């Protein structure tokens, strides 16, 4: 089942974007889900994760600015991004994994290794 991201775009520094990820199968199962990003020439960086109990964790680089949520029927994963800076410019991917579903493993740092991911949505923040 394909995961499909949307909501990326070009925004000025200080602005906001809301990314969406349609992932009905993985949202309903006991999966860890979240978002990671990759900027040109840089390694993949886990951004935010949510475990099957609904507990969220954020990387230090986005804590206080980004918020992860699921909709009521858990079919869509969202990433609300506020106070964006040029350093947030990257391709953003949603990801899911049953293998990493244990709370101790469901962490942003593991998201780049998840076996299920979408094609990504580009976020560009201008200064």
Protein backbone atom coordinates (compact mmCIF):
# COMPACT_ATOMS: atom_id res chain seq x y z
CA UNK A 1 0.00 0.00 0.00
CA UNK A 2 1.48 3.29 -1.06
CA UNK A 3 1.95 6.18 1.31
CA UNK A 4 1.28 9.53 -0.35
CA UNK A 5 2.56 12.85 0.95
CA UNK A 6 1.22 16.27 0.03
CA UNK A 7 1.31 19.84 1.24
CA UNK A 8 4.85 20.86 0.44
CA UNK A 9 5.69 24.09 -1.33
CA UNK A 10 7.57 27.36 -1.22
CA UNK A 11 7.15 29.55 1.84
CA UNK A 12 8.97 32.54 3.30
CA UNK A 13 10.94 32.28 6.49
CA UNK A 14 8.63 32.54 9.47
CA UNK A 15 5.76 30.99 7.57
CA UNK A 16 3.89 27.74 8.04
CA UNK A 17 3.02 24.64 6.07
CA UNK A 18 0.98 21.55 6.84
CA UNK A 19 2.07 18.28 5.35
CA UNK A 20 -0.30 15.34 4.96
CA UNK A 21 0.35 11.66 4.49
CA UNK A 22 -2.36 9.25 3.43
CA UNK A 23 -1.50 5.91 4.94
CA UNK A 24 -4.68 4.11 5.93
CA UNK A 25 -3.23 0.64 6.28
CA UNK A 26 -0.32 1.62 8.46
CA UNK A 27 -2.33 4.07 10.49
CA UNK A 28 -4.70 1.31 11.49
CA UNK A 29 -2.06 -1.25 12.37
CA UNK A 30 0.30 -1.27 15.30
CA UNK A 31 2.89 0.81 13.54
CA UNK A 32 5.30 3.50 14.42
CA UNK A 33 4.80 6.40 12.03
CA UNK A 34 6.44 9.71 11.42
CA UNK A 35 8.31 12.09 9.16
CA UNK A 36 11.92 12.39 8.16
CA UNK A 37 13.60 14.80 5.77
CA UNK A 38 16.61 15.00 3.53
CA UNK A 39 18.24 18.18 2.32
CA UNK A 40 20.59 18.20 -0.68
CA UNK A 41 24.01 16.93 0.28
CA UNK A 42 22.90 16.01 3.79
CA UNK A 43 21.96 12.80 5.56
CA UNK A 44 18.39 11.88 6.29
CA UNK A 45 17.12 13.39 9.51
CA UNK A 46 14.24 12.07 11.58
CA UNK A 47 11.82 14.87 12.43
CA UNK A 48 8.86 13.51 14.41
CA UNK A 49 7.45 10.12 15.38
CA UNK A 50 4.25 8.82 16.92
CA UNK A 51 3.94 5.38 18.46
CA UNK A 52 0.93 3.12 18.66
CA UNK A 53 -0.03 4.61 22.04
CA UNK A 54 -0.12 8.08 20.50
CA UNK A 55 3.06 9.35 22.15
CA UNK A 56 4.99 11.83 20.05
CA UNK A 57 8.66 12.64 19.92
CA UNK A 58 10.44 15.40 18.04
CA UNK A 59 14.00 16.08 17.01
CA UNK A 60 15.67 18.96 18.80
CA UNK A 61 15.83 20.93 15.56
CA UNK A 62 12.03 21.14 15.25
CA UNK A 63 10.83 20.85 18.84
CA UNK A 64 8.42 23.63 19.68
CA UNK A 65 7.83 24.50 16.02
CA UNK A 66 6.47 21.31 14.46
CA UNK A 67 3.48 19.26 15.58
CA UNK A 68 2.56 15.73 14.53
CA UNK A 69 -1.03 14.52 14.53
CA UNK A 70 -3.40 11.94 13.15
CA UNK A 71 -6.96 12.57 12.08
CA UNK A 72 -9.98 11.09 13.82
CA UNK A 73 -10.09 7.81 11.95
CA UNK A 74 -6.29 7.57 11.92
CA UNK A 75 -6.12 7.37 8.15
CA UNK A 76 -3.98 10.48 7.66
CA UNK A 77 -0.81 11.67 9.34
CA UNK A 78 -0.12 15.40 9.51
CA UNK A 79 2.93 17.52 10.20
CA UNK A 80 2.16 21.13 11.08
CA UNK A 81 5.30 23.19 10.55
CA UNK A 82 5.48 26.70 12.01
CA UNK A 83 8.21 29.33 12.22
CA UNK A 84 9.96 27.79 9.25
CA UNK A 85 13.56 28.71 8.49
CA UNK A 86 15.73 28.12 5.41
CA UNK A 87 17.37 25.27 7.33
CA UNK A 88 14.06 23.41 7.12
CA UNK A 89 14.34 23.23 3.34
CA UNK A 90 14.31 19.54 2.38
CA UNK A 91 12.33 16.72 0.85
CA UNK A 92 9.97 15.44 3.54
CA UNK A 93 8.92 11.81 3.70
CA UNK A 94 6.37 10.04 5.82
CA UNK A 95 7.30 6.59 6.98
CA UNK A 96 5.82 3.64 8.85
CA UNK A 97 7.12 0.46 10.37
CA UNK A 98 5.83 -2.44 12.40
CA UNK A 99 9.37 -3.58 13.13
CA UNK A 100 10.05 -0.35 15.03
CA UNK A 101 6.66 -0.26 16.73
CA UNK A 102 7.98 -0.81 20.26
CA UNK A 103 8.01 2.52 22.14
CA UNK A 104 11.77 2.31 22.74
CA UNK A 105 12.35 1.99 18.99
CA UNK A 106 9.70 4.37 17.74
CA UNK A 107 11.91 7.45 17.71
CA UNK A 108 12.71 10.13 15.13
CA UNK A 109 16.29 8.89 14.80
CA UNK A 110 15.04 5.53 13.45
CA UNK A 111 12.59 6.93 10.91
CA UNK A 112 15.07 7.03 8.00
CA UNK A 113 15.42 3.25 8.31
CA UNK A 114 11.73 2.42 8.09
CA UNK A 115 10.74 0.04 5.32
CA UNK A 116 7.60 1.87 4.29
CA UNK A 117 7.80 5.42 3.00
CA UNK A 118 6.25 7.70 0.43
CA UNK A 119 7.78 9.51 -2.51
CA UNK A 120 8.24 12.70 -0.55
CA UNK A 121 7.05 16.28 -0.78
CA UNK A 122 9.41 19.20 -1.25
CA UNK A 123 9.51 22.03 1.27
CA UNK A 124 11.47 25.14 0.34
CA UNK A 125 11.84 28.05 2.74
CA UNK A 126 13.14 31.31 1.34
CA UNK A 127 14.99 33.85 3.44
